[in-house]
Amino acid sequence: MLQVPLEIAFHNIESSPWAEREIRARVAELERLYHRLVSCRVRIDQRAKDLTGTIPPVVHIELGIPGRTELVVSHEPDHLLRKYQHPDLHKAINEAFRIAERQLVDLKEQRDGRTKIGDHDAENQSLGQVAEITPDQDFGFLLTKEGGLLYFHRNSLLSGDFDGLKGGEEVYYNEEVGDTGPIATKVRVKGKNLGTE
């Protein structure tokens, strides 16, 4: 149970009852996932609008956890534009809470001593496949088993040849939160070990 009442704020966008209901339901899930939550603030901000109205809002979540700094989750509009063909408020809420859930699970595992930061990378890796590769611009996108797209940079590839990657090729990766939302790190081509090509 949150010790501080949930705060939901809308900026430059109309508040809507369905969005508030959705946020309250997702916060309840976070509380079930991590019983030590003491506060939660959710801010929905429509920073800009283009002529087509396709720029999605930013959902910013701040979670209060005893004994540590607040856990902050936020993603930039271009993250949603890359991930979804038609991003909207519903997708923005889902994506922000998906990231928050993932961070809380990681935090819970660290607290319970099941993983140490930086150790056991193999245990935390997921299997995905190359969806799109742009060698001349040093980045690509991976398709996750959930069907989402994750950005990754040439420097994230630990094994395999970035320029030789092909769509559909299976890779292992770790998911982390970068400046603009989730990204793939420590990418390894399946079947290739570190230090071998």
N, C-alpha and C. Protein backbone atom coordinates (compact mmCIF):
# COMPACT_ATOMS: atom_id res chain seq x y z
N MET A 1 0.84 -1.20 0.00
CA MET A 1 0.00 0.00 0.00
C MET A 1 0.88 1.25 0.00
N LEU A 2 0.63 2.15 -0.93
CA LEU A 2 1.40 3.39 -0.99
C LEU A 2 1.17 4.21 0.27
N GLN A 3 2.25 4.75 0.83
CA GLN A 3 2.12 5.61 2.01
C GLN A 3 1.70 7.02 1.61
N VAL A 4 2.07 7.40 0.40
CA VAL A 4 1.71 8.72 -0.14
C VAL A 4 0.68 8.48 -1.25
N PRO A 5 -0.44 9.20 -1.25
CA PRO A 5 -1.44 8.96 -2.29
C PRO A 5 -0.86 9.14 -3.70
N LEU A 6 -1.32 8.31 -4.61
CA LEU A 6 -0.90 8.37 -6.01
C LEU A 6 -1.21 9.74 -6.59
N GLU A 7 -0.23 10.32 -7.29
CA GLU A 7 -0.44 11.60 -7.97
C GLU A 7 -0.43 11.37 -9.48
N ILE A 8 -1.46 11.87 -10.16
CA ILE A 8 -1.53 11.79 -11.62
C ILE A 8 -1.73 13.21 -12.14
N ALA A 9 -0.85 13.64 -13.03
CA ALA A 9 -0.96 15.00 -13.58
C ALA A 9 -0.90 14.95 -15.10
N PHE A 10 -1.74 15.79 -15.72
CA PHE A 10 -1.75 15.91 -17.19
C PHE A 10 -1.28 17.32 -17.55
N HIS A 11 -0.34 17.43 -18.47
CA HIS A 11 0.17 18.73 -18.91
C HIS A 11 0.03 18.86 -20.42
N ASN A 12 -0.59 19.93 -20.87
CA ASN A 12 -0.80 20.21 -22.29
C ASN A 12 -1.60 19.11 -22.99
N ILE A 13 -2.40 18.39 -22.21
CA ILE A 13 -3.23 17.32 -22.77
C ILE A 13 -4.44 17.17 -21.85
N GLU A 14 -5.59 16.91 -22.45
CA GLU A 14 -6.82 16.73 -21.66
C GLU A 14 -6.70 15.50 -20.77
N SER A 15 -7.11 15.65 -19.50
CA SER A 15 -7.14 14.45 -18.66
C SER A 15 -8.31 13.60 -19.11
N SER A 16 -8.19 12.29 -18.95
CA SER A 16 -9.29 11.44 -19.38
C SER A 16 -9.52 10.35 -18.34
N PRO A 17 -10.79 10.05 -18.05
CA PRO A 17 -11.11 9.04 -17.03
C PRO A 17 -10.50 7.67 -17.36
N TRP A 18 -10.51 7.25 -18.64
CA TRP A 18 -9.96 5.93 -18.97
C TRP A 18 -8.46 5.88 -18.69
N ALA A 19 -7.76 6.99 -18.98
CA ALA A 19 -6.30 7.02 -18.74
C ALA A 19 -6.02 6.92 -17.24
N GLU A 20 -6.81 7.65 -16.43
CA GLU A 20 -6.63 7.59 -14.98
C GLU A 20 -6.91 6.18 -14.46
N ARG A 21 -7.96 5.55 -14.97
CA ARG A 21 -8.29 4.17 -14.55
C ARG A 21 -7.15 3.22 -14.91
N GLU A 22 -6.64 3.37 -16.13
CA GLU A 22 -5.54 2.52 -16.60
C GLU A 22 -4.31 2.71 -15.72
N ILE A 23 -3.98 3.96 -15.42
CA ILE A 23 -2.79 4.25 -14.59
C ILE A 23 -2.97 3.67 -13.19
N ARG A 24 -4.17 3.84 -12.60
CA ARG A 24 -4.41 3.30 -11.26
C ARG A 24 -4.28 1.77 -11.25
N ALA A 25 -4.78 1.13 -12.29
CA ALA A 25 -4.68 -0.34 -12.38
C ALA A 25 -3.22 -0.77 -12.52
N ARG A 26 -2.45 -0.04 -13.32
CA ARG A 26 -1.05 -0.41 -13.54
C ARG A 26 -0.22 -0.14 -12.28
N VAL A 27 -0.54 0.93 -11.54
CA VAL A 27 0.17 1.20 -10.29
C VAL A 27 -0.13 0.09 -9.27
N ALA A 28 -1.39 -0.37 -9.23
CA ALA A 28 -1.75 -1.48 -8.34
C ALA A 28 -0.91 -2.72 -8.66
N GLU A 29 -0.67 -2.96 -9.96
CA GLU A 29 0.17 -4.09 -10.37
C GLU A 29 1.61 -3.90 -9.87
N LEU A 30 2.12 -2.65 -9.96
CA LEU A 30 3.47 -2.38 -9.48
C LEU A 30 3.56 -2.64 -7.97
N GLU A 31 2.50 -2.26 -7.24
CA GLU A 31 2.49 -2.49 -5.79
C GLU A 31 2.51 -3.98 -5.47
N ARG A 32 1.78 -4.77 -6.25
CA ARG A 32 1.78 -6.22 -6.03
C ARG A 32 3.16 -6.81 -6.34
N LEU A 33 3.80 -6.24 -7.36
CA LEU A 33 5.12 -6.71 -7.79
C LEU A 33 6.20 -6.36 -6.78
N TYR A 34 6.10 -5.15 -6.22
CA TYR A 34 7.13 -4.64 -5.30
C TYR A 34 6.42 -4.01 -4.11
N HIS A 35 6.33 -4.77 -3.01
CA HIS A 35 5.52 -4.35 -1.86
C HIS A 35 6.08 -3.14 -1.10
N ARG A 36 7.33 -2.79 -1.37
CA ARG A 36 7.95 -1.70 -0.60
C ARG A 36 7.76 -0.31 -1.22
N LEU A 37 6.98 -0.20 -2.28
CA LEU A 37 6.73 1.12 -2.88
C LEU A 37 6.04 2.02 -1.86
N VAL A 38 6.52 3.26 -1.73
CA VAL A 38 5.88 4.19 -0.79
C VAL A 38 5.16 5.33 -1.51
N SER A 39 5.59 5.66 -2.74
CA SER A 39 4.92 6.74 -3.46
C SER A 39 5.03 6.51 -4.96
N CYS A 40 4.11 7.14 -5.68
CA CYS A 40 4.14 7.06 -7.14
C CYS A 40 3.53 8.34 -7.71
N ARG A 41 4.30 8.99 -8.59
CA ARG A 41 3.79 10.16 -9.30
C ARG A 41 3.86 9.87 -10.79
N VAL A 42 2.76 10.12 -11.48
CA VAL A 42 2.71 9.89 -12.93
C VAL A 42 2.36 11.21 -13.59
N ARG A 43 3.18 11.62 -14.54
CA ARG A 43 2.93 12.87 -15.26
C ARG A 43 2.85 12.55 -16.74
N ILE A 44 1.78 13.00 -17.36
CA ILE A 44 1.62 12.82 -18.80
C ILE A 44 1.75 14.18 -19.45
N ASP A 45 2.67 14.28 -20.37
CA ASP A 45 3.03 15.58 -20.93
C ASP A 45 3.01 15.52 -22.46
N GLN A 46 2.17 16.32 -23.06
CA GLN A 46 2.19 16.45 -24.53
C GLN A 46 3.11 17.62 -24.84
N ARG A 47 4.36 17.29 -25.20
CA ARG A 47 5.36 18.35 -25.38
C ARG A 47 5.14 19.16 -26.64
N ALA A 48 4.74 18.49 -27.70
CA ALA A 48 4.59 19.19 -28.99
C ALA A 48 3.56 18.47 -29.82
N LYS A 49 3.07 19.15 -30.80
CA LYS A 49 2.13 18.54 -31.76
C LYS A 49 2.63 18.88 -33.15
N ASP A 50 2.62 17.88 -34.02
CA ASP A 50 2.90 18.23 -35.41
C ASP A 50 1.55 18.33 -36.13
N LEU A 51 1.58 18.61 -37.40
CA LEU A 51 0.33 18.84 -38.13
C LEU A 51 -0.57 17.62 -38.14
N THR A 52 0.04 16.42 -38.10
CA THR A 52 -0.78 15.20 -38.16
C THR A 52 -1.20 14.72 -36.77
N GLY A 53 -0.64 15.36 -35.72
CA GLY A 53 -0.99 14.95 -34.36
C GLY A 53 -0.39 13.61 -33.98
N THR A 54 0.70 13.22 -34.66
CA THR A 54 1.26 11.89 -34.41
C THR A 54 2.32 11.86 -33.31
N ILE A 55 2.76 13.01 -32.81
CA ILE A 55 3.78 12.98 -31.76
C ILE A 55 3.11 12.50 -30.47
N PRO A 56 3.55 11.35 -29.95
CA PRO A 56 2.87 10.80 -28.76
C PRO A 56 3.27 11.55 -27.49
N PRO A 57 2.42 11.47 -26.48
CA PRO A 57 2.75 12.11 -25.21
C PRO A 57 3.85 11.35 -24.48
N VAL A 58 4.51 12.03 -23.54
CA VAL A 58 5.54 11.42 -22.71
C VAL A 58 4.89 11.04 -21.38
N VAL A 59 5.11 9.80 -20.95
CA VAL A 59 4.62 9.35 -19.65
C VAL A 59 5.84 9.24 -18.74
N HIS A 60 5.83 10.00 -17.64
CA HIS A 60 6.95 10.09 -16.72
C HIS A 60 6.47 9.50 -15.39
N ILE A 61 7.17 8.48 -14.88
CA ILE A 61 6.78 7.83 -13.63
C ILE A 61 7.91 7.98 -12.62
N GLU A 62 7.57 8.42 -11.40
CA GLU A 62 8.55 8.49 -10.32
C GLU A 62 8.06 7.59 -9.20
N LEU A 63 8.89 6.61 -8.84
CA LEU A 63 8.52 5.65 -7.80
C LEU A 63 9.40 5.86 -6.57
N GLY A 64 8.75 6.04 -5.41
CA GLY A 64 9.48 6.20 -4.15
C GLY A 64 9.70 4.84 -3.51
N ILE A 65 10.97 4.54 -3.23
CA ILE A 65 11.35 3.26 -2.64
C ILE A 65 12.24 3.55 -1.43
N PRO A 66 11.96 2.96 -0.26
CA PRO A 66 12.76 3.25 0.92
C PRO A 66 14.23 2.90 0.73
N GLY A 67 15.09 3.76 1.25
CA GLY A 67 16.52 3.47 1.26
C GLY A 67 17.25 3.71 -0.04
N ARG A 68 16.59 4.34 -1.01
CA ARG A 68 17.28 4.63 -2.27
C ARG A 68 16.64 5.84 -2.94
N THR A 69 17.34 6.37 -3.95
CA THR A 69 16.77 7.51 -4.68
C THR A 69 15.56 7.03 -5.47
N GLU A 70 14.71 7.98 -5.84
CA GLU A 70 13.51 7.61 -6.60
C GLU A 70 13.88 6.91 -7.90
N LEU A 71 13.06 5.95 -8.27
CA LEU A 71 13.21 5.26 -9.55
C LEU A 71 12.39 6.06 -10.56
N VAL A 72 13.05 6.58 -11.60
CA VAL A 72 12.37 7.43 -12.57
C VAL A 72 12.32 6.73 -13.92
N VAL A 73 11.13 6.68 -14.50
CA VAL A 73 10.94 6.07 -15.81
C VAL A 73 10.35 7.12 -16.74
N SER A 74 10.97 7.29 -17.88
CA SER A 74 10.45 8.23 -18.87
C SER A 74 10.98 7.81 -20.23
N HIS A 75 10.25 8.11 -21.27
CA HIS A 75 10.74 7.79 -22.61
C HIS A 75 10.42 8.97 -23.51
N GLU A 76 11.25 9.15 -24.49
CA GLU A 76 11.04 10.25 -25.43
C GLU A 76 10.05 9.83 -26.51
N PRO A 77 9.33 10.80 -27.11
CA PRO A 77 8.35 10.46 -28.14
C PRO A 77 8.94 9.65 -29.30
N ASP A 78 10.21 9.91 -29.66
CA ASP A 78 10.76 9.20 -30.82
C ASP A 78 10.94 7.71 -30.53
N HIS A 79 11.05 7.34 -29.25
CA HIS A 79 11.11 5.92 -28.91
C HIS A 79 9.81 5.23 -29.32
N LEU A 80 8.68 5.85 -28.99
CA LEU A 80 7.38 5.27 -29.35
C LEU A 80 7.17 5.30 -30.86
N LEU A 81 7.64 6.36 -31.50
CA LEU A 81 7.48 6.46 -32.96
C LEU A 81 8.26 5.36 -33.67
N ARG A 82 9.41 4.97 -33.09
CA ARG A 82 10.19 3.88 -33.67
C ARG A 82 9.52 2.54 -33.41
N LYS A 83 8.92 2.41 -32.24
CA LYS A 83 8.40 1.10 -31.82
C LYS A 83 7.01 0.80 -32.39
N TYR A 84 6.19 1.82 -32.55
CA TYR A 84 4.81 1.61 -33.00
C TYR A 84 4.51 2.43 -34.24
N GLN A 85 3.67 1.87 -35.10
CA GLN A 85 3.28 2.59 -36.31
C GLN A 85 2.38 3.77 -35.96
N HIS A 86 1.45 3.55 -35.00
CA HIS A 86 0.52 4.62 -34.60
C HIS A 86 0.55 4.77 -33.08
N PRO A 87 1.60 5.42 -32.56
CA PRO A 87 1.69 5.57 -31.10
C PRO A 87 0.61 6.50 -30.58
N ASP A 88 0.05 6.18 -29.42
CA ASP A 88 -0.97 7.02 -28.81
C ASP A 88 -0.79 6.99 -27.30
N LEU A 89 -1.67 7.64 -26.57
CA LEU A 89 -1.56 7.72 -25.12
C LEU A 89 -1.60 6.33 -24.49
N HIS A 90 -2.47 5.47 -24.99
CA HIS A 90 -2.60 4.11 -24.45
C HIS A 90 -1.26 3.36 -24.56
N LYS A 91 -0.61 3.45 -25.73
CA LYS A 91 0.67 2.77 -25.94
C LYS A 91 1.76 3.42 -25.08
N ALA A 92 1.70 4.75 -24.94
CA ALA A 92 2.69 5.46 -24.12
C ALA A 92 2.60 5.01 -22.66
N ILE A 93 1.37 4.86 -22.15
CA ILE A 93 1.17 4.39 -20.76
C ILE A 93 1.70 2.97 -20.63
N ASN A 94 1.31 2.10 -21.57
CA ASN A 94 1.76 0.70 -21.52
C ASN A 94 3.27 0.60 -21.52
N GLU A 95 3.91 1.35 -22.40
CA GLU A 95 5.37 1.27 -22.54
C GLU A 95 6.06 1.76 -21.27
N ALA A 96 5.60 2.87 -20.71
CA ALA A 96 6.22 3.41 -19.49
C ALA A 96 6.09 2.42 -18.34
N PHE A 97 4.90 1.83 -18.19
CA PHE A 97 4.72 0.89 -17.09
C PHE A 97 5.45 -0.43 -17.33
N ARG A 98 5.61 -0.82 -18.59
CA ARG A 98 6.40 -2.02 -18.90
C ARG A 98 7.85 -1.82 -18.44
N ILE A 99 8.39 -0.63 -18.73
CA ILE A 99 9.76 -0.31 -18.32
C ILE A 99 9.84 -0.29 -16.79
N ALA A 100 8.84 0.33 -16.13
CA ALA A 100 8.83 0.41 -14.66
C ALA A 100 8.80 -0.99 -14.05
N GLU A 101 7.95 -1.87 -14.60
CA GLU A 101 7.87 -3.24 -14.09
C GLU A 101 9.22 -3.94 -14.21
N ARG A 102 9.84 -3.78 -15.36
CA ARG A 102 11.14 -4.42 -15.59
C ARG A 102 12.19 -3.92 -14.59
N GLN A 103 12.20 -2.60 -14.34
CA GLN A 103 13.18 -2.05 -13.41
C GLN A 103 12.91 -2.53 -11.98
N LEU A 104 11.63 -2.64 -11.61
CA LEU A 104 11.30 -3.12 -10.27
C LEU A 104 11.68 -4.59 -10.10
N VAL A 105 11.47 -5.40 -11.13
CA VAL A 105 11.87 -6.81 -11.06
C VAL A 105 13.39 -6.89 -10.87
N ASP A 106 14.14 -6.10 -11.64
CA ASP A 106 15.60 -6.08 -11.50
C ASP A 106 16.01 -5.68 -10.09
N LEU A 107 15.35 -4.64 -9.58
CA LEU A 107 15.65 -4.14 -8.24
C LEU A 107 15.35 -5.20 -7.18
N LYS A 108 14.23 -5.87 -7.34
CA LYS A 108 13.82 -6.92 -6.40
C LYS A 108 14.85 -8.05 -6.41
N GLU A 109 15.30 -8.44 -7.61
CA GLU A 109 16.29 -9.51 -7.72
C GLU A 109 17.61 -9.11 -7.07
N GLN A 110 18.02 -7.86 -7.28
CA GLN A 110 19.25 -7.38 -6.65
C GLN A 110 19.10 -7.40 -5.13
N ARG A 111 17.94 -6.94 -4.64
CA ARG A 111 17.70 -6.88 -3.21
C ARG A 111 17.70 -8.27 -2.60
N ASP A 112 17.11 -9.22 -3.31
CA ASP A 112 17.03 -10.59 -2.80
C ASP A 112 18.34 -11.35 -2.99
N GLY A 113 19.33 -10.68 -3.61
CA GLY A 113 20.64 -11.29 -3.77
C GLY A 113 20.71 -12.34 -4.87
N ARG A 114 19.70 -12.36 -5.72
CA ARG A 114 19.72 -13.37 -6.79
C ARG A 114 20.66 -12.97 -7.92
N THR A 115 20.83 -11.68 -8.14
CA THR A 115 21.78 -11.26 -9.16
C THR A 115 22.59 -10.10 -8.60
N LYS A 116 23.78 -9.98 -9.07
CA LYS A 116 24.63 -8.84 -8.72
C LYS A 116 24.74 -7.99 -9.98
N ILE A 117 24.76 -6.67 -9.79
CA ILE A 117 24.86 -5.79 -10.94
C ILE A 117 26.13 -6.12 -11.72
N GLY A 118 25.99 -6.33 -13.00
CA GLY A 118 27.14 -6.61 -13.85
C GLY A 118 27.50 -8.08 -13.92
N ASP A 119 27.03 -8.90 -12.96
CA ASP A 119 27.31 -10.32 -12.98
C ASP A 119 26.15 -11.06 -13.62
N HIS A 120 26.40 -12.29 -13.95
CA HIS A 120 25.35 -13.18 -14.45
C HIS A 120 24.62 -12.61 -15.66
N ASP A 121 25.35 -11.96 -16.55
CA ASP A 121 24.70 -11.39 -17.74
C ASP A 121 23.95 -12.45 -18.53
N ALA A 122 24.54 -13.64 -18.61
CA ALA A 122 23.92 -14.70 -19.41
C ALA A 122 22.53 -15.03 -18.87
N GLU A 123 22.36 -14.99 -17.53
CA GLU A 123 21.05 -15.30 -16.94
C GLU A 123 20.00 -14.24 -17.32
N ASN A 124 20.47 -13.02 -17.53
CA ASN A 124 19.54 -11.92 -17.79
C ASN A 124 19.32 -11.69 -19.29
N GLN A 125 19.94 -12.52 -20.12
CA GLN A 125 19.84 -12.28 -21.55
C GLN A 125 18.55 -12.86 -22.13
N SER A 126 18.08 -12.19 -23.16
CA SER A 126 16.90 -12.65 -23.89
C SER A 126 17.34 -13.01 -25.30
N LEU A 127 16.51 -13.81 -25.96
CA LEU A 127 16.79 -14.18 -27.34
C LEU A 127 15.85 -13.38 -28.25
N GLY A 128 16.41 -12.72 -29.23
CA GLY A 128 15.61 -11.96 -30.19
C GLY A 128 16.18 -12.18 -31.58
N GLN A 129 15.74 -11.37 -32.51
CA GLN A 129 16.32 -11.47 -33.84
C GLN A 129 16.46 -10.10 -34.46
N VAL A 130 17.40 -10.01 -35.39
CA VAL A 130 17.66 -8.74 -36.06
C VAL A 130 16.44 -8.41 -36.93
N ALA A 131 15.87 -7.24 -36.70
CA ALA A 131 14.71 -6.81 -37.50
C ALA A 131 15.16 -5.90 -38.63
N GLU A 132 16.12 -5.05 -38.33
CA GLU A 132 16.52 -4.02 -39.29
C GLU A 132 17.95 -3.63 -38.96
N ILE A 133 18.78 -3.41 -39.97
CA ILE A 133 20.17 -3.05 -39.73
C ILE A 133 20.57 -1.92 -40.67
N THR A 134 21.23 -0.90 -40.14
CA THR A 134 21.67 0.24 -40.95
C THR A 134 23.17 0.44 -40.69
N PRO A 135 24.03 -0.40 -41.32
CA PRO A 135 25.47 -0.35 -41.03
C PRO A 135 26.10 1.02 -41.23
N ASP A 136 25.66 1.75 -42.29
CA ASP A 136 26.28 3.05 -42.56
C ASP A 136 25.96 4.07 -41.48
N GLN A 137 24.92 3.82 -40.66
CA GLN A 137 24.60 4.74 -39.57
C GLN A 137 24.87 4.12 -38.20
N ASP A 138 25.48 2.93 -38.18
CA ASP A 138 25.94 2.27 -36.95
C ASP A 138 24.84 1.86 -35.98
N PHE A 139 23.63 1.57 -36.47
CA PHE A 139 22.60 1.10 -35.55
C PHE A 139 21.65 0.14 -36.25
N GLY A 140 20.85 -0.51 -35.44
CA GLY A 140 19.83 -1.41 -35.96
C GLY A 140 18.75 -1.59 -34.93
N PHE A 141 17.77 -2.46 -35.23
CA PHE A 141 16.69 -2.77 -34.31
C PHE A 141 16.55 -4.28 -34.19
N LEU A 142 16.30 -4.73 -32.96
CA LEU A 142 16.05 -6.14 -32.69
C LEU A 142 14.56 -6.34 -32.45
N LEU A 143 14.06 -7.48 -32.87
CA LEU A 143 12.67 -7.86 -32.61
C LEU A 143 12.67 -8.73 -31.36
N THR A 144 11.94 -8.30 -30.32
CA THR A 144 11.88 -9.08 -29.08
C THR A 144 10.84 -10.19 -29.22
N LYS A 145 10.86 -11.15 -28.30
CA LYS A 145 9.87 -12.23 -28.38
C LYS A 145 8.47 -11.71 -28.12
N GLU A 146 8.36 -10.53 -27.47
CA GLU A 146 7.05 -9.91 -27.25
C GLU A 146 6.56 -9.16 -28.49
N GLY A 147 7.41 -9.05 -29.50
CA GLY A 147 7.01 -8.37 -30.74
C GLY A 147 7.39 -6.90 -30.79
N GLY A 148 8.12 -6.40 -29.77
CA GLY A 148 8.54 -5.00 -29.78
C GLY A 148 9.88 -4.84 -30.49
N LEU A 149 10.25 -3.60 -30.76
CA LEU A 149 11.53 -3.30 -31.40
C LEU A 149 12.44 -2.62 -30.39
N LEU A 150 13.70 -3.05 -30.36
CA LEU A 150 14.69 -2.44 -29.48
C LEU A 150 15.84 -1.90 -30.32
N TYR A 151 16.21 -0.66 -30.07
CA TYR A 151 17.35 -0.04 -30.74
C TYR A 151 18.64 -0.66 -30.21
N PHE A 152 19.63 -0.87 -31.07
CA PHE A 152 20.97 -1.22 -30.59
C PHE A 152 22.02 -0.55 -31.47
N HIS A 153 23.16 -0.22 -30.88
CA HIS A 153 24.25 0.47 -31.57
C HIS A 153 25.33 -0.55 -31.94
N ARG A 154 26.10 -0.22 -32.96
CA ARG A 154 27.22 -1.06 -33.39
C ARG A 154 28.09 -1.45 -32.19
N ASN A 155 28.34 -0.50 -31.29
CA ASN A 155 29.22 -0.75 -30.14
C ASN A 155 28.62 -1.74 -29.13
N SER A 156 27.32 -2.03 -29.24
CA SER A 156 26.68 -2.98 -28.33
C SER A 156 26.93 -4.43 -28.74
N LEU A 157 27.42 -4.64 -29.95
CA LEU A 157 27.63 -5.99 -30.45
C LEU A 157 28.94 -6.55 -29.89
N LEU A 158 28.84 -7.62 -29.05
CA LEU A 158 30.02 -8.21 -28.43
C LEU A 158 30.62 -9.32 -29.27
N SER A 159 29.78 -10.01 -30.05
CA SER A 159 30.32 -11.06 -30.93
C SER A 159 29.57 -11.02 -32.24
N GLY A 160 30.26 -11.41 -33.31
CA GLY A 160 29.66 -11.34 -34.63
C GLY A 160 30.13 -10.10 -35.36
N ASP A 161 29.77 -10.00 -36.63
CA ASP A 161 30.19 -8.90 -37.48
C ASP A 161 28.99 -7.99 -37.74
N PHE A 162 29.03 -6.76 -37.23
CA PHE A 162 27.90 -5.84 -37.37
C PHE A 162 27.52 -5.66 -38.84
N ASP A 163 28.53 -5.45 -39.70
CA ASP A 163 28.25 -5.20 -41.12
C ASP A 163 27.68 -6.43 -41.82
N GLY A 164 27.92 -7.62 -41.22
CA GLY A 164 27.44 -8.84 -41.85
C GLY A 164 26.11 -9.33 -41.29
N LEU A 165 25.54 -8.59 -40.32
CA LEU A 165 24.26 -9.02 -39.73
C LEU A 165 23.16 -9.00 -40.79
N LYS A 166 22.28 -9.97 -40.70
CA LYS A 166 21.15 -10.06 -41.65
C LYS A 166 19.84 -10.08 -40.88
N GLY A 167 18.79 -9.57 -41.49
CA GLY A 167 17.45 -9.63 -40.89
C GLY A 167 17.08 -11.07 -40.58
N GLY A 168 16.50 -11.30 -39.41
CA GLY A 168 16.06 -12.63 -39.03
C GLY A 168 17.12 -13.41 -38.25
N GLU A 169 18.37 -12.91 -38.24
CA GLU A 169 19.44 -13.61 -37.52
C GLU A 169 19.17 -13.53 -36.01
N GLU A 170 19.33 -14.66 -35.32
CA GLU A 170 19.04 -14.71 -33.89
C GLU A 170 20.21 -14.17 -33.08
N VAL A 171 19.88 -13.38 -32.06
CA VAL A 171 20.90 -12.79 -31.19
C VAL A 171 20.43 -12.85 -29.74
N TYR A 172 21.40 -12.93 -28.84
CA TYR A 172 21.13 -12.76 -27.41
C TYR A 172 21.39 -11.31 -27.07
N TYR A 173 20.65 -10.76 -26.11
CA TYR A 173 20.86 -9.36 -25.74
C TYR A 173 20.38 -9.14 -24.31
N ASN A 174 20.86 -8.05 -23.72
CA ASN A 174 20.35 -7.57 -22.43
C ASN A 174 19.54 -6.32 -22.74
N GLU A 175 18.43 -6.13 -22.04
CA GLU A 175 17.64 -4.91 -22.24
C GLU A 175 17.93 -3.96 -21.10
N GLU A 176 18.28 -2.73 -21.44
CA GLU A 176 18.52 -1.70 -20.43
C GLU A 176 17.77 -0.45 -20.84
N VAL A 177 17.67 0.49 -19.91
CA VAL A 177 16.99 1.74 -20.21
C VAL A 177 18.04 2.79 -20.54
N GLY A 178 17.98 3.30 -21.78
CA GLY A 178 18.89 4.35 -22.20
C GLY A 178 18.22 5.71 -22.03
N ASP A 179 18.80 6.74 -22.63
CA ASP A 179 18.27 8.10 -22.50
C ASP A 179 16.88 8.24 -23.10
N THR A 180 16.57 7.43 -24.11
CA THR A 180 15.28 7.58 -24.78
C THR A 180 14.37 6.38 -24.59
N GLY A 181 14.70 5.54 -23.62
CA GLY A 181 13.86 4.37 -23.37
C GLY A 181 14.66 3.09 -23.48
N PRO A 182 13.99 1.94 -23.61
CA PRO A 182 14.69 0.67 -23.62
C PRO A 182 15.59 0.51 -24.85
N ILE A 183 16.77 -0.07 -24.62
CA ILE A 183 17.71 -0.36 -25.70
C ILE A 183 18.29 -1.75 -25.47
N ALA A 184 18.84 -2.34 -26.51
CA ALA A 184 19.51 -3.63 -26.39
C ALA A 184 21.00 -3.39 -26.19
N THR A 185 21.59 -4.07 -25.20
CA THR A 185 23.03 -3.98 -24.96
C THR A 185 23.59 -5.39 -24.93
N LYS A 186 24.91 -5.49 -24.93
CA LYS A 186 25.60 -6.78 -24.85
C LYS A 186 25.00 -7.79 -25.83
N VAL A 187 24.90 -7.35 -27.08
CA VAL A 187 24.30 -8.19 -28.13
C VAL A 187 25.33 -9.21 -28.63
N ARG A 188 24.92 -10.47 -28.67
CA ARG A 188 25.79 -11.54 -29.16
C ARG A 188 25.03 -12.35 -30.20
N VAL A 189 25.65 -12.59 -31.33
CA VAL A 189 25.02 -13.42 -32.35
C VAL A 189 24.95 -14.84 -31.81
N LYS A 190 23.79 -15.48 -31.92
CA LYS A 190 23.61 -16.83 -31.39
C LYS A 190 24.61 -17.78 -32.05
N GLY A 191 25.27 -18.59 -31.23
CA GLY A 191 26.23 -19.55 -31.76
C GLY A 191 27.63 -19.03 -31.85
N LYS A 192 27.82 -17.72 -31.54
CA LYS A 192 29.18 -17.16 -31.55
C LYS A 192 29.57 -16.82 -30.12
N ASN A 193 30.74 -17.24 -29.72
CA ASN A 193 31.23 -16.94 -28.37
C ASN A 193 32.03 -15.66 -28.39
N LEU A 194 32.18 -15.08 -27.20
CA LEU A 194 32.99 -13.88 -27.09
C LEU A 194 34.41 -14.17 -27.57
N GLY A 195 34.95 -13.22 -28.29
CA GLY A 195 36.33 -13.34 -28.73
C GLY A 195 36.51 -14.17 -29.99
N THR A 196 35.41 -14.71 -30.54
CA THR A 196 35.53 -15.45 -31.79
C THR A 196 34.62 -14.82 -32.81
N GLU A 197 34.98 -14.96 -34.04
CA GLU A 197 34.14 -14.40 -35.11
C GLU A 197 33.55 -15.53 -35.91
